[in-house]
Amino acid sequence: MTAEGESERKPSGQRPSVFLERQSYRRRRLTDAARLLPFLGAALFALPLLWPGLSAEGQAVPLSSAMFYIFACWGGLILVGLIFGMAARRLRTRDESETEADQWRR
């Protein structure tokens, strides 16, 4: 008891592959991580706001420690951004060289 309309809805042929190449997948994940880096930086810079202030005991975080933390986070974010940039450049050059080789194989 199948209607004629149902047989027309069935796809004919094979479905396209959902598989992504390994290099393009890594490059996309790397760019996703690089896009999240400013949010990580904002969270790290806002963390000293949660440190305890002057309490009844008089034990507050010294300003020198807070400034050292801020500059260490700043330097760390620069370093991570540099690493992301170098990795993205390396993946891009690999992709470009592989596409030329693939053209000659066909």
PDB file of N, CA and C in Angstrom:
ATOM      1  N   MET A   1       0.811  -1.175   0.000  1.00  0.00           N
ATOM      2  CA  MET A   1       0.000   0.000   0.000  1.00  0.00           C
ATOM      3  C   MET A   1       0.863   1.250   0.000  1.00  0.00           C
ATOM      4  N   THR A   2       1.688   1.374  -0.948  1.00  0.00           N
ATOM      5  CA  THR A   2       2.505   2.574  -1.060  1.00  0.00           C
ATOM      6  C   THR A   2       1.918   3.464  -2.134  1.00  0.00           C
ATOM      7  N   ALA A   3       1.962   4.712  -1.865  1.00  0.00           N
ATOM      8  CA  ALA A   3       1.459   5.684  -2.833  1.00  0.00           C
ATOM      9  C   ALA A   3       2.554   5.982  -3.848  1.00  0.00           C
ATOM     10  N   GLU A   4       2.146   6.479  -4.979  1.00  0.00           N
ATOM     11  CA  GLU A   4       3.115   6.792  -6.017  1.00  0.00           C
ATOM     12  C   GLU A   4       4.028   7.951  -5.598  1.00  0.00           C
ATOM     13  N   GLY A   5       3.567   8.843  -4.783  1.00  0.00           N
ATOM     14  CA  GLY A   5       4.342   9.994  -4.337  1.00  0.00           C
ATOM     15  C   GLY A   5       5.500   9.597  -3.432  1.00  0.00           C
ATOM     16  N   GLU A   6       5.342   8.497  -2.670  1.00  0.00           N
ATOM     17  CA  GLU A   6       6.395   8.062  -1.757  1.00  0.00           C
ATOM     18  C   GLU A   6       7.598   7.535  -2.521  1.00  0.00           C
ATOM     19  N   SER A   7       7.372   6.854  -3.630  1.00  0.00           N
ATOM     20  CA  SER A   7       8.493   6.316  -4.382  1.00  0.00           C
ATOM     21  C   SER A   7       9.312   7.436  -5.025  1.00  0.00           C
ATOM     22  N   GLU A   8       8.676   8.569  -5.289  1.00  0.00           N
ATOM     23  CA  GLU A   8       9.390   9.695  -5.878  1.00  0.00           C
ATOM     24  C   GLU A   8      10.249  10.418  -4.851  1.00  0.00           C
ATOM     25  N   ARG A   9       9.913  10.305  -3.558  1.00  0.00           N
ATOM     26  CA  ARG A   9      10.668  10.982  -2.511  1.00  0.00           C
ATOM     27  C   ARG A   9      11.975  10.275  -2.188  1.00  0.00           C
ATOM     28  N   LYS A  10      12.087   9.023  -2.472  1.00  0.00           N
ATOM     29  CA  LYS A  10      13.302   8.281  -2.150  1.00  0.00           C
ATOM     30  C   LYS A  10      14.443   8.791  -3.024  1.00  0.00           C
ATOM     31  N   PRO A  11      15.575   9.042  -2.401  1.00  0.00           N
ATOM     32  CA  PRO A  11      16.701   9.559  -3.187  1.00  0.00           C
ATOM     33  C   PRO A  11      17.291   8.473  -4.074  1.00  0.00           C
ATOM     34  N   SER A  12      17.639   8.868  -5.234  1.00  0.00           N
ATOM     35  CA  SER A  12      18.285   7.924  -6.137  1.00  0.00           C
ATOM     36  C   SER A  12      19.771   8.218  -6.148  1.00  0.00           C
ATOM     37  N   GLY A  13      20.593   7.208  -6.103  1.00  0.00           N
ATOM     38  CA  GLY A  13      22.039   7.394  -6.089  1.00  0.00           C
ATOM     39  C   GLY A  13      22.577   7.413  -4.669  1.00  0.00           C
ATOM     40  N   GLN A  14      23.830   7.760  -4.558  1.00  0.00           N
ATOM     41  CA  GLN A  14      24.485   7.762  -3.259  1.00  0.00           C
ATOM     42  C   GLN A  14      24.460   9.158  -2.652  1.00  0.00           C
ATOM     43  N   ARG A  15      24.488   9.173  -1.333  1.00  0.00           N
ATOM     44  CA  ARG A  15      24.556  10.439  -0.617  1.00  0.00           C
ATOM     45  C   ARG A  15      25.976  10.964  -0.674  1.00  0.00           C
ATOM     46  N   PRO A  16      26.152  12.272  -0.705  1.00  0.00           N
ATOM     47  CA  PRO A  16      27.512  12.814  -0.677  1.00  0.00           C
ATOM     48  C   PRO A  16      28.159  12.540   0.675  1.00  0.00           C
ATOM     49  N   SER A  17      29.436  12.368   0.664  1.00  0.00           N
ATOM     50  CA  SER A  17      30.172  12.055   1.879  1.00  0.00           C
ATOM     51  C   SER A  17      30.205  13.252   2.818  1.00  0.00           C
ATOM     52  N   VAL A  18      30.078  12.984   4.110  1.00  0.00           N
ATOM     53  CA  VAL A  18      30.129  14.017   5.114  1.00  0.00           C
ATOM     54  C   VAL A  18      31.552  14.140   5.666  1.00  0.00           C
ATOM     55  N   PHE A  19      32.424  13.278   5.247  1.00  0.00           N
ATOM     56  CA  PHE A  19      33.792  13.231   5.734  1.00  0.00           C
ATOM     57  C   PHE A  19      34.563  14.474   5.315  1.00  0.00           C
ATOM     58  N   LEU A  20      35.273  15.060   6.268  1.00  0.00           N
ATOM     59  CA  LEU A  20      36.143  16.196   5.978  1.00  0.00           C
ATOM     60  C   LEU A  20      37.587  15.716   5.950  1.00  0.00           C
ATOM     61  N   GLU A  21      38.390  16.312   5.105  1.00  0.00           N
ATOM     62  CA  GLU A  21      39.791  15.953   5.071  1.00  0.00           C
ATOM     63  C   GLU A  21      40.432  16.315   6.397  1.00  0.00           C
ATOM     64  N   ARG A  22      41.448  15.560   6.766  1.00  0.00           N
ATOM     65  CA  ARG A  22      42.082  15.741   8.055  1.00  0.00           C
ATOM     66  C   ARG A  22      42.687  17.140   8.199  1.00  0.00           C
ATOM     67  N   GLN A  23      43.371  17.624   7.174  1.00  0.00           N
ATOM     68  CA  GLN A  23      44.023  18.923   7.273  1.00  0.00           C
ATOM     69  C   GLN A  23      43.011  20.063   7.359  1.00  0.00           C
ATOM     70  N   SER A  24      41.963  20.004   6.567  1.00  0.00           N
ATOM     71  CA  SER A  24      40.975  21.076   6.633  1.00  0.00           C
ATOM     72  C   SER A  24      40.218  21.027   7.960  1.00  0.00           C
ATOM     73  N   TYR A  25      40.006  19.828   8.498  1.00  0.00           N
ATOM     74  CA  TYR A  25      39.359  19.700   9.798  1.00  0.00           C
ATOM     75  C   TYR A  25      40.228  20.324  10.882  1.00  0.00           C
ATOM     76  N   ARG A  26      41.520  20.046  10.856  1.00  0.00           N
ATOM     77  CA  ARG A  26      42.427  20.623  11.851  1.00  0.00           C
ATOM     78  C   ARG A  26      42.502  22.135  11.710  1.00  0.00           C
ATOM     79  N   ARG A  27      42.521  22.625  10.490  1.00  0.00           N
ATOM     80  CA  ARG A  27      42.592  24.064  10.275  1.00  0.00           C
ATOM     81  C   ARG A  27      41.335  24.744  10.807  1.00  0.00           C
ATOM     82  N   ARG A  28      40.189  24.141  10.611  1.00  0.00           N
ATOM     83  CA  ARG A  28      38.941  24.732  11.118  1.00  0.00           C
ATOM     84  C   ARG A  28      38.898  24.720  12.639  1.00  0.00           C
ATOM     85  N   ARG A  29      39.353  23.645  13.265  1.00  0.00           N
ATOM     86  CA  ARG A  29      39.379  23.589  14.726  1.00  0.00           C
ATOM     87  C   ARG A  29      40.375  24.596  15.284  1.00  0.00           C
ATOM     88  N   LEU A  30      41.466  24.807  14.570  1.00  0.00           N
ATOM     89  CA  LEU A  30      42.449  25.790  15.002  1.00  0.00           C
ATOM     90  C   LEU A  30      41.878  27.204  14.918  1.00  0.00           C
ATOM     91  N   THR A  31      41.153  27.494  13.867  1.00  0.00           N
ATOM     92  CA  THR A  31      40.536  28.818  13.764  1.00  0.00           C
ATOM     93  C   THR A  31      39.429  28.988  14.808  1.00  0.00           C
ATOM     94  N   ASP A  32      38.725  27.909  15.129  1.00  0.00           N
ATOM     95  CA  ASP A  32      37.717  27.988  16.186  1.00  0.00           C
ATOM     96  C   ASP A  32      38.369  28.302  17.532  1.00  0.00           C
ATOM     97  N   ALA A  33      39.493  27.654  17.800  1.00  0.00           N
ATOM     98  CA  ALA A  33      40.207  27.919  19.047  1.00  0.00           C
ATOM     99  C   ALA A  33      40.746  29.344  19.070  1.00  0.00           C
ATOM    100  N   ALA A  34      41.222  29.840  17.944  1.00  0.00           N
ATOM    101  CA  ALA A  34      41.731  31.209  17.878  1.00  0.00           C
ATOM    102  C   ALA A  34      40.604  32.217  18.074  1.00  0.00           C
ATOM    103  N   ARG A  35      39.420  31.901  17.630  1.00  0.00           N
ATOM    104  CA  ARG A  35      38.287  32.806  17.829  1.00  0.00           C
ATOM    105  C   ARG A  35      37.857  32.860  19.294  1.00  0.00           C
ATOM    106  N   LEU A  36      38.098  31.796  20.040  1.00  0.00           N
ATOM    107  CA  LEU A  36      37.741  31.774  21.452  1.00  0.00           C
ATOM    108  C   LEU A  36      38.807  32.411  22.335  1.00  0.00           C
ATOM    109  N   LEU A  37      39.972  32.689  21.788  1.00  0.00           N
ATOM    110  CA  LEU A  37      41.077  33.239  22.558  1.00  0.00           C
ATOM    111  C   LEU A  37      40.744  34.594  23.202  1.00  0.00           C
ATOM    112  N   PRO A  38      40.076  35.528  22.541  1.00  0.00           N
ATOM    113  CA  PRO A  38      39.731  36.788  23.227  1.00  0.00           C
ATOM    114  C   PRO A  38      38.807  36.585  24.427  1.00  0.00           C
ATOM    115  N   PHE A  39      37.910  35.611  24.348  1.00  0.00           N
ATOM    116  CA  PHE A  39      37.027  35.353  25.488  1.00  0.00           C
ATOM    117  C   PHE A  39      37.802  34.763  26.656  1.00  0.00           C
ATOM    118  N   LEU A  40      38.769  33.906  26.348  1.00  0.00           N
ATOM    119  CA  LEU A  40      39.639  33.370  27.395  1.00  0.00           C
ATOM    120  C   LEU A  40      40.435  34.495  28.035  1.00  0.00           C
ATOM    121  N   GLY A  41      40.954  35.402  27.210  1.00  0.00           N
ATOM    122  CA  GLY A  41      41.696  36.542  27.740  1.00  0.00           C
ATOM    123  C   GLY A  41      40.843  37.427  28.627  1.00  0.00           C
ATOM    124  N   ALA A  42      39.621  37.680  28.216  1.00  0.00           N
ATOM    125  CA  ALA A  42      38.718  38.506  29.031  1.00  0.00           C
ATOM    126  C   ALA A  42      38.435  37.836  30.372  1.00  0.00           C
ATOM    127  N   ALA A  43      38.254  36.519  30.352  1.00  0.00           N
ATOM    128  CA  ALA A  43      38.004  35.799  31.604  1.00  0.00           C
ATOM    129  C   ALA A  43      39.237  35.838  32.508  1.00  0.00           C
ATOM    130  N   LEU A  44      40.413  35.672  31.912  1.00  0.00           N
ATOM    131  CA  LEU A  44      41.633  35.718  32.713  1.00  0.00           C
ATOM    132  C   LEU A  44      41.881  37.110  33.287  1.00  0.00           C
ATOM    133  N   PHE A  45      41.596  38.161  32.507  1.00  0.00           N
ATOM    134  CA  PHE A  45      41.788  39.517  33.001  1.00  0.00           C
ATOM    135  C   PHE A  45      40.752  39.900  34.054  1.00  0.00           C
ATOM    136  N   ALA A  46      39.586  39.300  34.010  1.00  0.00           N
ATOM    137  CA  ALA A  46      38.543  39.606  34.985  1.00  0.00           C
ATOM    138  C   ALA A  46      38.706  38.805  36.280  1.00  0.00           C
ATOM    139  N   LEU A  47      39.529  37.807  36.264  1.00  0.00           N
ATOM    140  CA  LEU A  47      39.715  36.964  37.449  1.00  0.00           C
ATOM    141  C   LEU A  47      40.211  37.737  38.668  1.00  0.00           C
ATOM    142  N   PRO A  48      41.123  38.711  38.551  1.00  0.00           N
ATOM    143  CA  PRO A  48      41.523  39.457  39.753  1.00  0.00           C
ATOM    144  C   PRO A  48      40.384  40.213  40.428  1.00  0.00           C
ATOM    145  N   LEU A  49      39.318  40.460  39.703  1.00  0.00           N
ATOM    146  CA  LEU A  49      38.169  41.126  40.325  1.00  0.00           C
ATOM    147  C   LEU A  49      37.503  40.234  41.369  1.00  0.00           C
ATOM    148  N   LEU A  50      37.712  38.933  41.252  1.00  0.00           N
ATOM    149  CA  LEU A  50      37.111  37.994  42.201  1.00  0.00           C
ATOM    150  C   LEU A  50      38.017  37.722  43.399  1.00  0.00           C
ATOM    151  N   TRP A  51      39.251  38.211  43.351  1.00  0.00           N
ATOM    152  CA  TRP A  51      40.163  37.996  44.470  1.00  0.00           C
ATOM    153  C   TRP A  51      39.639  38.752  45.692  1.00  0.00           C
ATOM    154  N   PRO A  52      39.919  38.226  46.864  1.00  0.00           N
ATOM    155  CA  PRO A  52      39.383  38.890  48.062  1.00  0.00           C
ATOM    156  C   PRO A  52      40.008  40.271  48.265  1.00  0.00           C
ATOM    157  N   GLY A  53      39.156  41.183  48.643  1.00  0.00           N
ATOM    158  CA  GLY A  53      39.623  42.533  48.928  1.00  0.00           C
ATOM    159  C   GLY A  53      40.098  42.611  50.366  1.00  0.00           C
ATOM    160  N   LEU A  54      40.185  43.807  50.858  1.00  0.00           N
ATOM    161  CA  LEU A  54      40.619  44.006  52.227  1.00  0.00           C
ATOM    162  C   LEU A  54      39.545  43.454  53.163  1.00  0.00           C
ATOM    163  N   SER A  55      39.905  42.466  53.926  1.00  0.00           N
ATOM    164  CA  SER A  55      38.942  41.839  54.836  1.00  0.00           C
ATOM    165  C   SER A  55      39.205  42.329  56.256  1.00  0.00           C
ATOM    166  N   ALA A  56      38.525  41.753  57.211  1.00  0.00           N
ATOM    167  CA  ALA A  56      38.688  42.141  58.609  1.00  0.00           C
ATOM    168  C   ALA A  56      40.096  41.807  59.102  1.00  0.00           C
ATOM    169  N   GLU A  57      40.715  40.782  58.517  1.00  0.00           N
ATOM    170  CA  GLU A  57      42.053  40.393  58.941  1.00  0.00           C
ATOM    171  C   GLU A  57      43.130  41.249  58.293  1.00  0.00           C
ATOM    172  N   GLY A  58      42.773  42.012  57.268  1.00  0.00           N
ATOM    173  CA  GLY A  58      43.739  42.855  56.587  1.00  0.00           C
ATOM    174  C   GLY A  58      44.578  42.084  55.588  1.00  0.00           C
ATOM    175  N   GLN A  59      44.131  40.914  55.139  1.00  0.00           N
ATOM    176  CA  GLN A  59      44.866  40.086  54.188  1.00  0.00           C
ATOM    177  C   GLN A  59      44.293  40.267  52.786  1.00  0.00           C
ATOM    178  N   ALA A  60      44.794  41.223  52.072  1.00  0.00           N
ATOM    179  CA  ALA A  60      44.371  41.446  50.694  1.00  0.00           C
ATOM    180  C   ALA A  60      45.494  41.001  49.762  1.00  0.00           C
ATOM    181  N   VAL A  61      45.165  40.779  48.520  1.00  0.00           N
ATOM    182  CA  VAL A  61      46.165  40.416  47.527  1.00  0.00           C
ATOM    183  C   VAL A  61      46.959  41.677  47.199  1.00  0.00           C
ATOM    184  N   PRO A  62      48.277  41.604  47.299  1.00  0.00           N
ATOM    185  CA  PRO A  62      49.067  42.802  46.997  1.00  0.00           C
ATOM    186  C   PRO A  62      48.921  43.219  45.539  1.00  0.00           C
ATOM    187  N   LEU A  63      49.007  44.518  45.301  1.00  0.00           N
ATOM    188  CA  LEU A  63      48.868  45.047  43.955  1.00  0.00           C
ATOM    189  C   LEU A  63      49.976  44.536  43.044  1.00  0.00           C
ATOM    190  N   SER A  64      51.163  44.323  43.597  1.00  0.00           N
ATOM    191  CA  SER A  64      52.268  43.824  42.783  1.00  0.00           C
ATOM    192  C   SER A  64      51.963  42.413  42.262  1.00  0.00           C
ATOM    193  N   SER A  65      51.321  41.588  43.053  1.00  0.00           N
ATOM    194  CA  SER A  65      50.940  40.238  42.607  1.00  0.00           C
ATOM    195  C   SER A  65      49.878  40.304  41.525  1.00  0.00           C
ATOM    196  N   ALA A  66      48.930  41.214  41.687  1.00  0.00           N
ATOM    197  CA  ALA A  66      47.865  41.358  40.690  1.00  0.00           C
ATOM    198  C   ALA A  66      48.442  41.865  39.370  1.00  0.00           C
ATOM    199  N   MET A  67      49.357  42.823  39.423  1.00  0.00           N
ATOM    200  CA  MET A  67      49.968  43.339  38.199  1.00  0.00           C
ATOM    201  C   MET A  67      50.829  42.272  37.529  1.00  0.00           C
ATOM    202  N   PHE A  68      51.557  41.497  38.313  1.00  0.00           N
ATOM    203  CA  PHE A  68      52.346  40.409  37.745  1.00  0.00           C
ATOM    204  C   PHE A  68      51.435  39.397  37.057  1.00  0.00           C
ATOM    205  N   TYR A  69      50.292  39.091  37.670  1.00  0.00           N
ATOM    206  CA  TYR A  69      49.337  38.155  37.080  1.00  0.00           C
ATOM    207  C   TYR A  69      48.807  38.697  35.751  1.00  0.00           C
ATOM    208  N   ILE A  70      48.454  39.971  35.718  1.00  0.00           N
ATOM    209  CA  ILE A  70      47.907  40.581  34.493  1.00  0.00           C
ATOM    210  C   ILE A  70      48.943  40.516  33.372  1.00  0.00           C
ATOM    211  N   PHE A  71      50.184  40.886  33.655  1.00  0.00           N
ATOM    212  CA  PHE A  71      51.211  40.870  32.620  1.00  0.00           C
ATOM    213  C   PHE A  71      51.581  39.451  32.205  1.00  0.00           C
ATOM    214  N   ALA A  72      51.529  38.502  33.136  1.00  0.00           N
ATOM    215  CA  ALA A  72      51.787  37.104  32.777  1.00  0.00           C
ATOM    216  C   ALA A  72      50.685  36.572  31.855  1.00  0.00           C
ATOM    217  N   CYS A  73      49.433  36.924  32.144  1.00  0.00           N
ATOM    218  CA  CYS A  73      48.326  36.518  31.268  1.00  0.00           C
ATOM    219  C   CYS A  73      48.454  37.170  29.904  1.00  0.00           C
ATOM    220  N   TRP A  74      48.816  38.435  29.885  1.00  0.00           N
ATOM    221  CA  TRP A  74      48.998  39.162  28.635  1.00  0.00           C
ATOM    222  C   TRP A  74      50.081  38.508  27.788  1.00  0.00           C
ATOM    223  N   GLY A  75      51.221  38.212  28.399  1.00  0.00           N
ATOM    224  CA  GLY A  75      52.308  37.538  27.685  1.00  0.00           C
ATOM    225  C   GLY A  75      51.906  36.141  27.221  1.00  0.00           C
ATOM    226  N   GLY A  76      51.175  35.431  28.055  1.00  0.00           N
ATOM    227  CA  GLY A  76      50.710  34.092  27.677  1.00  0.00           C
ATOM    228  C   GLY A  76      49.759  34.126  26.497  1.00  0.00           C
ATOM    229  N   LEU A  77      48.861  35.100  26.480  1.00  0.00           N
ATOM    230  CA  LEU A  77      47.930  35.231  25.357  1.00  0.00           C
ATOM    231  C   LEU A  77      48.668  35.581  24.066  1.00  0.00           C
ATOM    232  N   ILE A  78      49.695  36.428  24.160  1.00  0.00           N
ATOM    233  CA  ILE A  78      50.495  36.747  22.983  1.00  0.00           C
ATOM    234  C   ILE A  78      51.204  35.497  22.479  1.00  0.00           C
ATOM    235  N   LEU A  79      51.752  34.716  23.393  1.00  0.00           N
ATOM    236  CA  LEU A  79      52.452  33.486  23.017  1.00  0.00           C
ATOM    237  C   LEU A  79      51.503  32.472  22.370  1.00  0.00           C
ATOM    238  N   VAL A  80      50.329  32.303  22.936  1.00  0.00           N
ATOM    239  CA  VAL A  80      49.354  31.366  22.372  1.00  0.00           C
ATOM    240  C   VAL A  80      48.888  31.842  21.000  1.00  0.00           C
ATOM    241  N   GLY A  81      48.681  33.155  20.846  1.00  0.00           N
ATOM    242  CA  GLY A  81      48.308  33.702  19.540  1.00  0.00           C
ATOM    243  C   GLY A  81      49.401  33.482  18.512  1.00  0.00           C
ATOM    244  N   LEU A  82      50.656  33.623  18.917  1.00  0.00           N
ATOM    245  CA  LEU A  82      51.778  33.373  18.024  1.00  0.00           C
ATOM    246  C   LEU A  82      51.830  31.908  17.597  1.00  0.00           C
ATOM    247  N   ILE A  83      51.603  31.020  18.538  1.00  0.00           N
ATOM    248  CA  ILE A  83      51.604  29.582  18.226  1.00  0.00           C
ATOM    249  C   ILE A  83      50.461  29.241  17.278  1.00  0.00           C
ATOM    250  N   PHE A  84      49.277  29.799  17.525  1.00  0.00           N
ATOM    251  CA  PHE A  84      48.143  29.564  16.624  1.00  0.00           C
ATOM    252  C   PHE A  84      48.444  30.072  15.218  1.00  0.00           C
ATOM    253  N   GLY A  85      49.055  31.242  15.127  1.00  0.00           N
ATOM    254  CA  GLY A  85      49.380  31.806  13.822  1.00  0.00           C
ATOM    255  C   GLY A  85      50.385  30.950  13.065  1.00  0.00           C
ATOM    256  N   MET A  86      51.416  30.477  13.759  1.00  0.00           N
ATOM    257  CA  MET A  86      52.415  29.626  13.108  1.00  0.00           C
ATOM    258  C   MET A  86      51.803  28.303  12.665  1.00  0.00           C
ATOM    259  N   ALA A  87      50.940  27.726  13.502  1.00  0.00           N
ATOM    260  CA  ALA A  87      50.299  26.461  13.138  1.00  0.00           C
ATOM    261  C   ALA A  87      49.355  26.648  11.959  1.00  0.00           C
ATOM    262  N   ALA A  88      48.630  27.756  11.927  1.00  0.00           N
ATOM    263  CA  ALA A  88      47.714  28.014  10.806  1.00  0.00           C
ATOM    264  C   ALA A  88      48.501  28.205   9.515  1.00  0.00           C
ATOM    265  N   ARG A  89      49.624  28.892   9.590  1.00  0.00           N
ATOM    266  CA  ARG A  89      50.452  29.094   8.398  1.00  0.00           C
ATOM    267  C   ARG A  89      50.998  27.761   7.900  1.00  0.00           C
ATOM    268  N   ARG A  90      51.414  26.908   8.828  1.00  0.00           N
ATOM    269  CA  ARG A  90      51.949  25.591   8.446  1.00  0.00           C
ATOM    270  C   ARG A  90      50.869  24.730   7.793  1.00  0.00           C
ATOM    271  N   LEU A  91      49.663  24.741   8.348  1.00  0.00           N
ATOM    272  CA  LEU A  91      48.575  23.953   7.766  1.00  0.00           C
ATOM    273  C   LEU A  91      48.170  24.499   6.402  1.00  0.00           C
ATOM    274  N   ARG A  92      48.217  25.819   6.235  1.00  0.00           N
ATOM    275  CA  ARG A  92      47.844  26.406   4.955  1.00  0.00           C
ATOM    276  C   ARG A  92      48.850  26.044   3.863  1.00  0.00           C
ATOM    277  N   THR A  93      50.134  26.054   4.186  1.00  0.00           N
ATOM    278  CA  THR A  93      51.134  25.700   3.175  1.00  0.00           C
ATOM    279  C   THR A  93      51.040  24.226   2.819  1.00  0.00           C
ATOM    280  N   ARG A  94      50.699  23.388   3.773  1.00  0.00           N
ATOM    281  CA  ARG A  94      50.511  21.956   3.463  1.00  0.00           C
ATOM    282  C   ARG A  94      49.321  21.758   2.531  1.00  0.00           C
ATOM    283  N   ASP A  95      48.233  22.467   2.810  1.00  0.00           N
ATOM    284  CA  ASP A  95      47.045  22.340   1.962  1.00  0.00           C
ATOM    285  C   ASP A  95      47.326  22.796   0.539  1.00  0.00           C
ATOM    286  N   GLU A  96      48.053  23.906   0.392  1.00  0.00           N
ATOM    287  CA  GLU A  96      48.341  24.418  -0.947  1.00  0.00           C
ATOM    288  C   GLU A  96      49.248  23.479  -1.718  1.00  0.00           C
ATOM    289  N   SER A  97      50.232  22.879  -1.050  1.00  0.00           N
ATOM    290  CA  SER A  97      51.139  21.977  -1.753  1.00  0.00           C
ATOM    291  C   SER A  97      50.444  20.668  -2.131  1.00  0.00           C
ATOM    292  N   GLU A  98      49.526  20.202  -1.292  1.00  0.00           N
ATOM    293  CA  GLU A  98      48.817  18.962  -1.609  1.00  0.00           C
ATOM    294  C   GLU A  98      47.848  19.149  -2.769  1.00  0.00           C
ATOM    295  N   THR A  99      47.260  20.319  -2.891  1.00  0.00           N
ATOM    296  CA  THR A  99      46.300  20.506  -3.986  1.00  0.00           C
ATOM    297  C   THR A  99      47.007  20.506  -5.328  1.00  0.00           C
ATOM    298  N   GLU A 100      48.226  21.017  -5.400  1.00  0.00           N
ATOM    299  CA  GLU A 100      48.964  20.970  -6.665  1.00  0.00           C
ATOM    300  C   GLU A 100      49.294  19.537  -7.032  1.00  0.00           C
ATOM    301  N   ALA A 101      49.686  18.738  -6.062  1.00  0.00           N
ATOM    302  CA  ALA A 101      50.018  17.348  -6.327  1.00  0.00           C
ATOM    303  C   ALA A 101      48.766  16.558  -6.745  1.00  0.00           C
ATOM    304  N   ASP A 102      47.658  16.883  -6.130  1.00  0.00           N
ATOM    305  CA  ASP A 102      46.416  16.189  -6.466  1.00  0.00           C
ATOM    306  C   ASP A 102      45.968  16.515  -7.894  1.00  0.00           C
ATOM    307  N   GLN A 103      46.245  17.716  -8.374  1.00  0.00           N
ATOM    308  CA  GLN A 103      45.852  18.075  -9.736  1.00  0.00           C
ATOM    309  C   GLN A 103      46.591  17.234 -10.757  1.00  0.00           C
ATOM    310  N   TRP A 104      47.837  16.913 -10.518  1.00  0.00           N
ATOM    311  CA  TRP A 104      48.620  16.134 -11.471  1.00  0.00           C
ATOM    312  C   TRP A 104      48.252  14.665 -11.440  1.00  0.00           C
ATOM    313  N   ARG A 105      47.737  14.172 -10.323  1.00  0.00           N
ATOM    314  CA  ARG A 105      47.338  12.762 -10.230  1.00  0.00           C
ATOM    315  C   ARG A 105      46.107  12.468 -11.068  1.00  0.00           C
ATOM    316  N   ARG A 106      45.255  13.441 -11.222  1.00  0.00           N
ATOM    317  CA  ARG A 106      43.985  13.216 -11.925  1.00  0.00           C
ATOM    318  C   ARG A 106      44.216  13.176 -13.364  1.00  0.00           C
TER     319      ARG A 106
END
